[in-house]
């Protein structure tokens, strides 16, 4: 629902969310979920538009501050604590690497994400009956994370070891 909230409320709730994440990490520093969520927060803040930053500065004196590098650090911490934690962690690692111009690492993260099994009943239910959750069965070994990898040209190899290509829209 935050997608449809006002800029003012998004920013206000963002500050509250960040405070809660900091406290969660302080209380349980080996919880990969807290670092994953902090990485998502950092990534979202790094992607704020000019107008969102101006609104935050006007309303709160200072906009929240985070960089793609901050987000990457948190997603890498997730992998350090719990390797292969989730597909989405790999997707956001890919987004960070792409934003930082490290396309080889970004593609490796896409390949890693596509090779993971779906283990969530909720995800299986969303994907519907007949969905094959074996590694690569849905993505067919192809990076299809177009939201995370915008900017790659269609036909970009998904891996230097595979002839399959990145099909992005």
N, C-alpha and C. Protein backbone atom coordinates (compact mmCIF):
# COMPACT_ATOMS: atom_id res chain seq x y z
N UNK A 1 0.81 -1.20 0.00
CA UNK A 1 0.00 0.00 0.00
C UNK A 1 0.86 1.26 0.00
N UNK A 2 2.10 1.15 0.43
CA UNK A 2 2.97 2.32 0.48
C UNK A 2 3.16 2.93 -0.90
N UNK A 3 3.01 2.13 -1.95
CA UNK A 3 3.17 2.64 -3.31
C UNK A 3 2.15 3.74 -3.60
N UNK A 4 1.00 3.67 -2.96
CA UNK A 4 -0.09 4.61 -3.26
C UNK A 4 -0.24 5.68 -2.20
N UNK A 5 0.68 5.74 -1.27
CA UNK A 5 0.62 6.72 -0.20
C UNK A 5 1.20 8.04 -0.69
N UNK A 6 0.96 9.10 0.08
CA UNK A 6 1.53 10.40 -0.28
C UNK A 6 3.03 10.38 -0.06
N UNK A 7 3.73 11.24 -0.75
CA UNK A 7 5.18 11.34 -0.57
C UNK A 7 5.50 11.63 0.89
N UNK A 8 4.73 12.52 1.50
CA UNK A 8 4.96 12.88 2.90
C UNK A 8 4.88 11.65 3.80
N UNK A 9 3.83 10.85 3.63
CA UNK A 9 3.67 9.65 4.47
C UNK A 9 4.74 8.60 4.18
N UNK A 10 5.11 8.44 2.91
CA UNK A 10 6.16 7.49 2.57
C UNK A 10 7.46 7.85 3.30
N UNK A 11 7.80 9.11 3.28
CA UNK A 11 9.05 9.56 3.90
C UNK A 11 8.97 9.41 5.41
N UNK A 12 7.84 9.85 6.00
CA UNK A 12 7.67 9.73 7.45
C UNK A 12 7.75 8.26 7.87
N UNK A 13 7.06 7.39 7.18
CA UNK A 13 7.08 5.97 7.51
C UNK A 13 8.46 5.35 7.23
N UNK A 14 9.15 5.88 6.25
CA UNK A 14 10.50 5.42 5.97
C UNK A 14 11.45 5.65 7.12
N UNK A 15 11.35 6.84 7.75
CA UNK A 15 12.17 7.13 8.93
C UNK A 15 11.85 6.16 10.07
N UNK A 16 10.57 5.91 10.29
CA UNK A 16 10.14 5.00 11.36
C UNK A 16 10.64 3.58 11.07
N UNK A 17 10.48 3.14 9.83
CA UNK A 17 10.91 1.81 9.43
C UNK A 17 12.42 1.65 9.65
N UNK A 18 13.18 2.65 9.25
CA UNK A 18 14.64 2.60 9.41
C UNK A 18 15.02 2.51 10.90
N UNK A 19 14.35 3.26 11.75
CA UNK A 19 14.61 3.18 13.19
C UNK A 19 14.35 1.77 13.73
N UNK A 20 13.26 1.16 13.27
CA UNK A 20 12.93 -0.19 13.70
C UNK A 20 13.97 -1.20 13.21
N UNK A 21 14.43 -1.02 11.98
CA UNK A 21 15.46 -1.92 11.45
C UNK A 21 16.76 -1.81 12.24
N UNK A 22 17.15 -0.58 12.55
CA UNK A 22 18.37 -0.37 13.34
C UNK A 22 18.26 -1.07 14.70
N UNK A 23 17.11 -0.96 15.32
CA UNK A 23 16.89 -1.60 16.63
C UNK A 23 16.89 -3.13 16.48
N UNK A 24 16.27 -3.64 15.43
CA UNK A 24 16.23 -5.09 15.20
C UNK A 24 17.64 -5.64 15.01
N UNK A 25 18.48 -4.93 14.25
CA UNK A 25 19.85 -5.37 14.03
C UNK A 25 20.65 -5.30 15.32
N UNK A 26 20.39 -4.29 16.12
CA UNK A 26 21.07 -4.17 17.41
C UNK A 26 20.71 -5.35 18.32
N UNK A 27 19.44 -5.74 18.32
CA UNK A 27 18.98 -6.82 19.19
C UNK A 27 19.35 -8.20 18.66
N UNK A 28 19.38 -8.35 17.34
CA UNK A 28 19.63 -9.66 16.74
C UNK A 28 20.52 -9.47 15.51
N UNK A 29 21.82 -9.27 15.73
CA UNK A 29 22.73 -8.91 14.64
C UNK A 29 22.99 -10.02 13.62
N UNK A 30 22.57 -11.23 13.88
CA UNK A 30 22.79 -12.32 12.91
C UNK A 30 21.52 -12.71 12.17
N UNK A 31 20.53 -11.84 12.17
CA UNK A 31 19.28 -12.11 11.47
C UNK A 31 19.39 -11.58 10.03
N UNK A 32 19.42 -12.47 9.04
CA UNK A 32 19.58 -12.00 7.65
C UNK A 32 18.39 -11.17 7.16
N UNK A 33 17.19 -11.42 7.68
CA UNK A 33 16.03 -10.67 7.23
C UNK A 33 16.18 -9.18 7.53
N UNK A 34 16.71 -8.84 8.68
CA UNK A 34 16.88 -7.43 9.03
C UNK A 34 17.83 -6.73 8.06
N UNK A 35 18.91 -7.40 7.69
CA UNK A 35 19.86 -6.82 6.74
C UNK A 35 19.26 -6.73 5.34
N UNK A 36 18.47 -7.75 4.99
CA UNK A 36 17.79 -7.72 3.69
C UNK A 36 16.85 -6.51 3.62
N UNK A 37 16.05 -6.32 4.67
CA UNK A 37 15.12 -5.19 4.69
C UNK A 37 15.85 -3.86 4.72
N UNK A 38 16.96 -3.80 5.44
CA UNK A 38 17.76 -2.57 5.44
C UNK A 38 18.34 -2.31 4.05
N UNK A 39 18.76 -3.35 3.39
CA UNK A 39 19.23 -3.20 2.01
C UNK A 39 18.13 -2.67 1.11
N UNK A 40 16.92 -3.19 1.26
CA UNK A 40 15.79 -2.70 0.46
C UNK A 40 15.52 -1.24 0.77
N UNK A 41 15.59 -0.87 2.05
CA UNK A 41 15.36 0.53 2.44
C UNK A 41 16.42 1.42 1.81
N UNK A 42 17.68 1.02 1.92
CA UNK A 42 18.78 1.81 1.34
C UNK A 42 18.60 1.95 -0.17
N UNK A 43 18.24 0.86 -0.82
CA UNK A 43 18.06 0.90 -2.27
C UNK A 43 16.93 1.85 -2.63
N UNK A 44 15.82 1.77 -1.91
CA UNK A 44 14.68 2.65 -2.19
C UNK A 44 15.05 4.12 -1.97
N UNK A 45 15.77 4.40 -0.91
CA UNK A 45 16.19 5.78 -0.65
C UNK A 45 17.14 6.27 -1.74
N UNK A 46 18.03 5.41 -2.16
CA UNK A 46 18.97 5.80 -3.23
C UNK A 46 18.24 6.10 -4.54
N UNK A 47 17.05 5.53 -4.70
CA UNK A 47 16.28 5.72 -5.93
C UNK A 47 15.26 6.86 -5.84
N UNK A 48 15.22 7.58 -4.71
CA UNK A 48 14.25 8.66 -4.57
C UNK A 48 14.42 9.69 -5.70
N UNK A 49 13.30 10.17 -6.18
CA UNK A 49 13.34 11.19 -7.23
C UNK A 49 13.72 12.55 -6.64
N UNK A 50 14.02 13.46 -7.51
CA UNK A 50 14.37 14.82 -7.11
C UNK A 50 13.24 15.43 -6.28
N UNK A 51 12.00 15.27 -6.74
CA UNK A 51 10.86 15.88 -6.04
C UNK A 51 10.66 15.24 -4.66
N UNK A 52 10.87 13.93 -4.56
CA UNK A 52 10.73 13.27 -3.25
C UNK A 52 11.80 13.77 -2.28
N UNK A 53 13.00 13.99 -2.78
CA UNK A 53 14.06 14.53 -1.92
C UNK A 53 13.73 15.95 -1.46
N UNK A 54 13.18 16.77 -2.37
CA UNK A 54 12.80 18.14 -2.02
C UNK A 54 11.68 18.15 -0.98
N UNK A 55 10.69 17.29 -1.16
CA UNK A 55 9.59 17.20 -0.19
C UNK A 55 10.14 16.80 1.17
N UNK A 56 11.03 15.80 1.21
CA UNK A 56 11.61 15.36 2.47
C UNK A 56 12.39 16.49 3.13
N UNK A 57 13.15 17.22 2.35
CA UNK A 57 13.94 18.33 2.90
C UNK A 57 13.03 19.41 3.46
N UNK A 58 11.94 19.69 2.77
CA UNK A 58 11.00 20.72 3.21
C UNK A 58 10.27 20.30 4.49
N UNK A 59 9.81 19.06 4.54
CA UNK A 59 9.01 18.59 5.67
C UNK A 59 9.84 18.17 6.88
N UNK A 60 10.99 17.59 6.64
CA UNK A 60 11.74 16.99 7.73
C UNK A 60 13.12 17.63 7.92
N UNK A 61 13.44 18.63 7.14
CA UNK A 61 14.72 19.31 7.29
C UNK A 61 15.84 18.64 6.53
N UNK A 62 15.75 17.35 6.39
CA UNK A 62 16.80 16.61 5.71
C UNK A 62 16.21 15.32 5.14
N UNK A 63 16.46 15.04 3.88
CA UNK A 63 15.92 13.79 3.33
C UNK A 63 16.70 12.58 3.87
N UNK A 64 16.09 11.42 3.87
CA UNK A 64 16.84 10.23 4.29
C UNK A 64 18.03 10.05 3.34
N UNK A 65 19.07 9.48 3.86
CA UNK A 65 20.29 9.35 3.08
C UNK A 65 20.76 7.91 3.02
N UNK A 66 20.97 7.41 1.81
CA UNK A 66 21.54 6.08 1.60
C UNK A 66 21.95 6.00 0.14
N UNK A 67 22.89 5.13 -0.13
CA UNK A 67 23.39 4.96 -1.49
C UNK A 67 23.20 3.52 -1.94
N UNK A 68 23.39 3.30 -3.22
CA UNK A 68 23.35 1.94 -3.75
C UNK A 68 24.47 1.11 -3.10
N UNK A 69 25.59 1.75 -2.81
CA UNK A 69 26.69 1.05 -2.14
C UNK A 69 26.25 0.58 -0.75
N UNK A 70 25.48 1.41 -0.05
CA UNK A 70 24.95 1.01 1.27
C UNK A 70 24.03 -0.20 1.12
N UNK A 71 23.18 -0.16 0.12
CA UNK A 71 22.27 -1.28 -0.13
C UNK A 71 23.06 -2.54 -0.43
N UNK A 72 24.05 -2.43 -1.31
CA UNK A 72 24.87 -3.58 -1.67
C UNK A 72 25.54 -4.18 -0.44
N UNK A 73 26.07 -3.34 0.42
CA UNK A 73 26.73 -3.81 1.65
C UNK A 73 25.77 -4.66 2.48
N UNK A 74 24.52 -4.23 2.60
CA UNK A 74 23.54 -4.98 3.39
C UNK A 74 23.14 -6.29 2.72
N UNK A 75 22.97 -6.27 1.40
CA UNK A 75 22.62 -7.52 0.70
C UNK A 75 23.79 -8.52 0.77
N UNK A 76 25.02 -8.02 0.71
CA UNK A 76 26.18 -8.90 0.85
C UNK A 76 26.27 -9.45 2.28
N UNK A 77 25.87 -8.66 3.26
CA UNK A 77 25.84 -9.13 4.65
C UNK A 77 24.85 -10.29 4.80
N UNK A 78 23.73 -10.20 4.10
CA UNK A 78 22.75 -11.30 4.11
C UNK A 78 23.43 -12.58 3.63
N UNK A 79 24.17 -12.49 2.53
CA UNK A 79 24.85 -13.67 1.99
C UNK A 79 25.92 -14.18 2.93
N UNK A 80 26.58 -13.28 3.64
CA UNK A 80 27.60 -13.68 4.61
C UNK A 80 26.97 -14.46 5.76
N UNK A 81 25.83 -13.97 6.26
CA UNK A 81 25.15 -14.62 7.38
C UNK A 81 24.49 -15.92 6.96
N UNK A 82 23.83 -15.87 5.79
CA UNK A 82 23.03 -17.01 5.33
C UNK A 82 23.16 -17.11 3.81
N UNK A 83 24.18 -17.82 3.31
CA UNK A 83 24.35 -17.95 1.86
C UNK A 83 23.09 -18.50 1.18
N UNK A 84 22.81 -17.96 0.00
CA UNK A 84 21.62 -18.36 -0.78
C UNK A 84 20.33 -18.14 0.02
N UNK A 85 20.26 -17.01 0.73
CA UNK A 85 19.12 -16.70 1.59
C UNK A 85 17.80 -16.65 0.82
N UNK A 86 17.79 -15.92 -0.31
CA UNK A 86 16.55 -15.84 -1.07
C UNK A 86 16.82 -15.37 -2.49
N UNK A 87 15.86 -15.69 -3.36
CA UNK A 87 15.94 -15.21 -4.74
C UNK A 87 15.96 -13.69 -4.78
N UNK A 88 15.12 -13.09 -3.96
CA UNK A 88 15.03 -11.62 -3.99
C UNK A 88 16.32 -10.96 -3.53
N UNK A 89 17.05 -11.58 -2.63
CA UNK A 89 18.33 -11.00 -2.24
C UNK A 89 19.27 -10.99 -3.46
N UNK A 90 19.26 -12.09 -4.23
CA UNK A 90 20.07 -12.13 -5.45
C UNK A 90 19.59 -11.09 -6.46
N UNK A 91 18.28 -10.92 -6.57
CA UNK A 91 17.75 -9.92 -7.50
C UNK A 91 18.24 -8.52 -7.11
N UNK A 92 18.19 -8.20 -5.82
CA UNK A 92 18.63 -6.88 -5.40
C UNK A 92 20.15 -6.73 -5.46
N UNK A 93 20.88 -7.82 -5.27
CA UNK A 93 22.32 -7.76 -5.52
C UNK A 93 22.56 -7.42 -6.99
N UNK A 94 21.78 -8.05 -7.87
CA UNK A 94 21.91 -7.77 -9.30
C UNK A 94 21.58 -6.31 -9.61
N UNK A 95 20.53 -5.79 -9.00
CA UNK A 95 20.16 -4.39 -9.21
C UNK A 95 21.28 -3.46 -8.78
N UNK A 96 21.86 -3.74 -7.63
CA UNK A 96 22.96 -2.90 -7.12
C UNK A 96 24.16 -2.97 -8.04
N UNK A 97 24.56 -4.18 -8.40
CA UNK A 97 25.71 -4.31 -9.29
C UNK A 97 25.46 -3.63 -10.63
N UNK A 98 24.24 -3.75 -11.14
CA UNK A 98 23.91 -3.09 -12.41
C UNK A 98 24.02 -1.58 -12.26
N UNK A 99 23.48 -1.04 -11.18
CA UNK A 99 23.53 0.41 -10.95
C UNK A 99 24.96 0.90 -10.80
N UNK A 100 25.84 0.04 -10.31
CA UNK A 100 27.24 0.40 -10.11
C UNK A 100 28.10 0.08 -11.34
N UNK A 101 27.46 -0.37 -12.41
CA UNK A 101 28.17 -0.65 -13.65
C UNK A 101 28.93 -1.96 -13.66
N UNK A 102 28.63 -2.83 -12.73
CA UNK A 102 29.31 -4.13 -12.64
C UNK A 102 28.42 -5.21 -13.24
N UNK A 103 28.28 -5.17 -14.57
CA UNK A 103 27.31 -6.02 -15.25
C UNK A 103 27.65 -7.51 -15.15
N UNK A 104 28.92 -7.87 -15.10
CA UNK A 104 29.26 -9.29 -14.98
C UNK A 104 28.74 -9.86 -13.66
N UNK A 105 28.96 -9.11 -12.58
CA UNK A 105 28.47 -9.55 -11.27
C UNK A 105 26.94 -9.55 -11.25
N UNK A 106 26.33 -8.57 -11.90
CA UNK A 106 24.86 -8.51 -11.96
C UNK A 106 24.31 -9.74 -12.65
N UNK A 107 24.91 -10.12 -13.75
CA UNK A 107 24.44 -11.30 -14.47
C UNK A 107 24.62 -12.57 -13.64
N UNK A 108 25.72 -12.66 -12.90
CA UNK A 108 25.93 -13.83 -12.03
C UNK A 108 24.83 -13.92 -10.99
N UNK A 109 24.39 -12.78 -10.47
CA UNK A 109 23.32 -12.79 -9.47
C UNK A 109 22.00 -13.22 -10.10
N UNK A 110 21.75 -12.80 -11.34
CA UNK A 110 20.54 -13.25 -12.05
C UNK A 110 20.56 -14.76 -12.23
N UNK A 111 21.69 -15.28 -12.63
CA UNK A 111 21.82 -16.72 -12.82
C UNK A 111 21.62 -17.44 -11.49
N UNK A 112 22.21 -16.91 -10.42
CA UNK A 112 22.05 -17.52 -9.10
C UNK A 112 20.58 -17.52 -8.68
N UNK A 113 19.89 -16.41 -8.92
CA UNK A 113 18.47 -16.33 -8.55
C UNK A 113 17.65 -17.33 -9.35
N UNK A 114 17.91 -17.43 -10.63
CA UNK A 114 17.10 -18.32 -11.46
C UNK A 114 17.36 -19.78 -11.16
N UNK A 115 18.48 -20.09 -10.53
CA UNK A 115 18.79 -21.49 -10.23
C UNK A 115 18.25 -21.94 -8.87
N UNK A 116 17.69 -21.01 -8.10
CA UNK A 116 17.17 -21.38 -6.77
C UNK A 116 15.78 -21.99 -6.87
N UNK A 117 15.53 -22.96 -5.99
CA UNK A 117 14.20 -23.54 -5.88
C UNK A 117 13.25 -22.56 -5.22
N UNK A 118 11.98 -22.66 -5.55
CA UNK A 118 10.95 -21.92 -4.84
C UNK A 118 10.60 -22.75 -3.62
N UNK A 119 10.73 -22.14 -2.44
CA UNK A 119 10.46 -22.91 -1.23
C UNK A 119 9.29 -22.35 -0.43
N UNK A 120 8.71 -21.27 -0.90
CA UNK A 120 7.62 -20.64 -0.18
C UNK A 120 6.28 -21.13 -0.69
N UNK A 121 5.41 -21.58 0.20
CA UNK A 121 4.08 -22.01 -0.20
C UNK A 121 3.30 -20.84 -0.80
N UNK A 122 3.52 -19.64 -0.26
CA UNK A 122 2.82 -18.46 -0.77
C UNK A 122 3.22 -18.19 -2.22
N UNK A 123 4.51 -18.30 -2.51
CA UNK A 123 4.99 -18.06 -3.87
C UNK A 123 4.45 -19.14 -4.79
N UNK A 124 4.49 -20.41 -4.34
CA UNK A 124 3.95 -21.50 -5.15
C UNK A 124 2.48 -21.26 -5.47
N UNK A 125 1.71 -20.80 -4.49
CA UNK A 125 0.29 -20.54 -4.70
C UNK A 125 0.09 -19.41 -5.71
N UNK A 126 0.93 -18.37 -5.65
CA UNK A 126 0.81 -17.25 -6.58
C UNK A 126 1.15 -17.67 -7.99
N UNK A 127 2.10 -18.59 -8.12
CA UNK A 127 2.55 -18.97 -9.44
C UNK A 127 1.57 -19.93 -10.12
N UNK A 128 0.66 -20.49 -9.37
CA UNK A 128 -0.43 -21.24 -9.95
C UNK A 128 -0.17 -22.72 -10.12
N UNK A 129 -1.26 -23.43 -10.46
CA UNK A 129 -1.14 -24.87 -10.65
C UNK A 129 -0.29 -25.17 -11.89
N UNK A 130 0.45 -26.23 -11.79
CA UNK A 130 1.26 -26.63 -12.93
C UNK A 130 2.59 -25.91 -13.02
N UNK A 131 2.83 -24.97 -12.11
CA UNK A 131 4.10 -24.25 -12.14
C UNK A 131 5.21 -25.20 -11.71
N UNK A 132 6.26 -25.24 -12.46
CA UNK A 132 7.39 -26.11 -12.18
C UNK A 132 8.44 -25.30 -11.43
N UNK A 133 8.69 -25.61 -10.17
CA UNK A 133 9.60 -24.81 -9.37
C UNK A 133 11.02 -25.37 -9.34
N UNK A 134 11.32 -26.33 -10.22
CA UNK A 134 12.71 -26.81 -10.27
C UNK A 134 13.62 -25.67 -10.72
N UNK A 135 14.90 -25.71 -10.30
CA UNK A 135 15.81 -24.63 -10.69
C UNK A 135 15.81 -24.43 -12.19
N UNK A 136 15.57 -23.20 -12.61
CA UNK A 136 15.63 -22.86 -14.02
C UNK A 136 14.42 -23.25 -14.82
N UNK A 137 13.47 -24.01 -14.25
CA UNK A 137 12.33 -24.47 -15.04
C UNK A 137 11.44 -23.31 -15.45
N UNK A 138 11.19 -22.37 -14.56
CA UNK A 138 10.36 -21.21 -14.90
C UNK A 138 11.12 -20.22 -15.75
N UNK A 139 12.35 -19.94 -15.36
CA UNK A 139 13.13 -18.95 -16.08
C UNK A 139 13.88 -19.56 -17.25
N UNK A 140 13.88 -20.89 -17.33
CA UNK A 140 14.56 -21.59 -18.41
C UNK A 140 16.00 -21.13 -18.56
N UNK A 141 16.65 -20.85 -17.43
CA UNK A 141 18.05 -20.45 -17.45
C UNK A 141 18.27 -19.06 -18.00
N UNK A 142 17.20 -18.28 -18.11
CA UNK A 142 17.30 -16.96 -18.71
C UNK A 142 17.02 -15.91 -17.65
N UNK A 143 17.81 -14.85 -17.65
CA UNK A 143 17.57 -13.75 -16.72
C UNK A 143 16.36 -12.97 -17.20
N UNK A 144 15.30 -13.01 -16.43
CA UNK A 144 14.09 -12.30 -16.84
C UNK A 144 13.69 -11.26 -15.82
N UNK A 145 14.64 -10.74 -15.05
CA UNK A 145 14.35 -9.74 -14.04
C UNK A 145 14.40 -8.36 -14.67
N UNK A 146 13.50 -8.10 -15.61
CA UNK A 146 13.58 -6.82 -16.31
C UNK A 146 13.52 -5.62 -15.38
N UNK A 147 12.75 -5.64 -14.29
CA UNK A 147 12.78 -4.45 -13.43
C UNK A 147 14.16 -4.22 -12.82
N UNK A 148 14.88 -5.31 -12.52
CA UNK A 148 16.17 -5.13 -11.85
C UNK A 148 17.28 -4.88 -12.84
N UNK A 149 17.10 -5.24 -14.07
CA UNK A 149 18.22 -5.20 -14.99
C UNK A 149 17.97 -4.28 -16.19
N UNK A 150 17.06 -3.34 -16.05
CA UNK A 150 16.82 -2.41 -17.16
C UNK A 150 18.15 -1.83 -17.60
N UNK A 151 18.29 -1.71 -18.87
CA UNK A 151 19.52 -1.15 -19.38
C UNK A 151 20.37 -2.20 -20.07
N UNK A 152 20.16 -3.49 -19.75
CA UNK A 152 20.85 -4.51 -20.50
C UNK A 152 20.16 -4.63 -21.85
N UNK A 153 20.91 -4.73 -22.89
CA UNK A 153 20.33 -4.90 -24.22
C UNK A 153 19.76 -6.30 -24.34
N UNK A 154 18.60 -6.44 -25.02
CA UNK A 154 18.09 -7.78 -25.27
C UNK A 154 19.15 -8.59 -25.99
N UNK A 155 19.27 -9.84 -25.61
CA UNK A 155 20.26 -10.71 -26.21
C UNK A 155 21.56 -10.76 -25.44
N UNK A 156 21.67 -10.00 -24.33
CA UNK A 156 22.87 -10.05 -23.51
C UNK A 156 22.98 -11.44 -22.90
N UNK A 157 24.12 -12.12 -23.06
CA UNK A 157 24.24 -13.46 -22.46
C UNK A 157 23.99 -13.43 -20.96
N UNK A 158 23.21 -14.39 -20.48
CA UNK A 158 22.93 -14.48 -19.05
C UNK A 158 24.12 -15.05 -18.30
N UNK A 159 25.00 -15.70 -19.00
CA UNK A 159 26.18 -16.26 -18.39
C UNK A 159 27.22 -16.48 -19.47
N UNK A 160 28.47 -16.30 -19.14
CA UNK A 160 29.53 -16.55 -20.12
C UNK A 160 29.64 -18.05 -20.41
N UNK A 161 29.00 -18.89 -19.59
CA UNK A 161 29.07 -20.34 -19.76
C UNK A 161 27.81 -20.89 -20.42
N UNK A 162 26.91 -20.01 -20.81
CA UNK A 162 25.64 -20.46 -21.36
C UNK A 162 25.28 -19.65 -22.59
N UNK A 163 24.76 -20.30 -23.61
CA UNK A 163 24.35 -19.54 -24.81
C UNK A 163 23.02 -18.84 -24.60
N UNK A 164 22.34 -19.08 -23.49
CA UNK A 164 21.04 -18.48 -23.25
C UNK A 164 21.21 -16.98 -23.05
N UNK A 165 20.17 -16.23 -23.33
CA UNK A 165 20.29 -14.78 -23.29
C UNK A 165 19.32 -14.15 -22.33
N UNK A 166 19.61 -12.90 -22.03
CA UNK A 166 18.79 -12.10 -21.12
C UNK A 166 17.67 -11.48 -21.92
N UNK A 167 16.43 -11.83 -21.62
CA UNK A 167 15.28 -11.31 -22.34
C UNK A 167 14.63 -10.23 -21.51
N UNK A 168 14.97 -9.02 -21.80
CA UNK A 168 14.50 -7.91 -21.00
C UNK A 168 13.59 -7.03 -21.79
N UNK A 169 12.60 -6.45 -21.08
CA UNK A 169 11.68 -5.55 -21.75
C UNK A 169 11.72 -4.20 -21.15
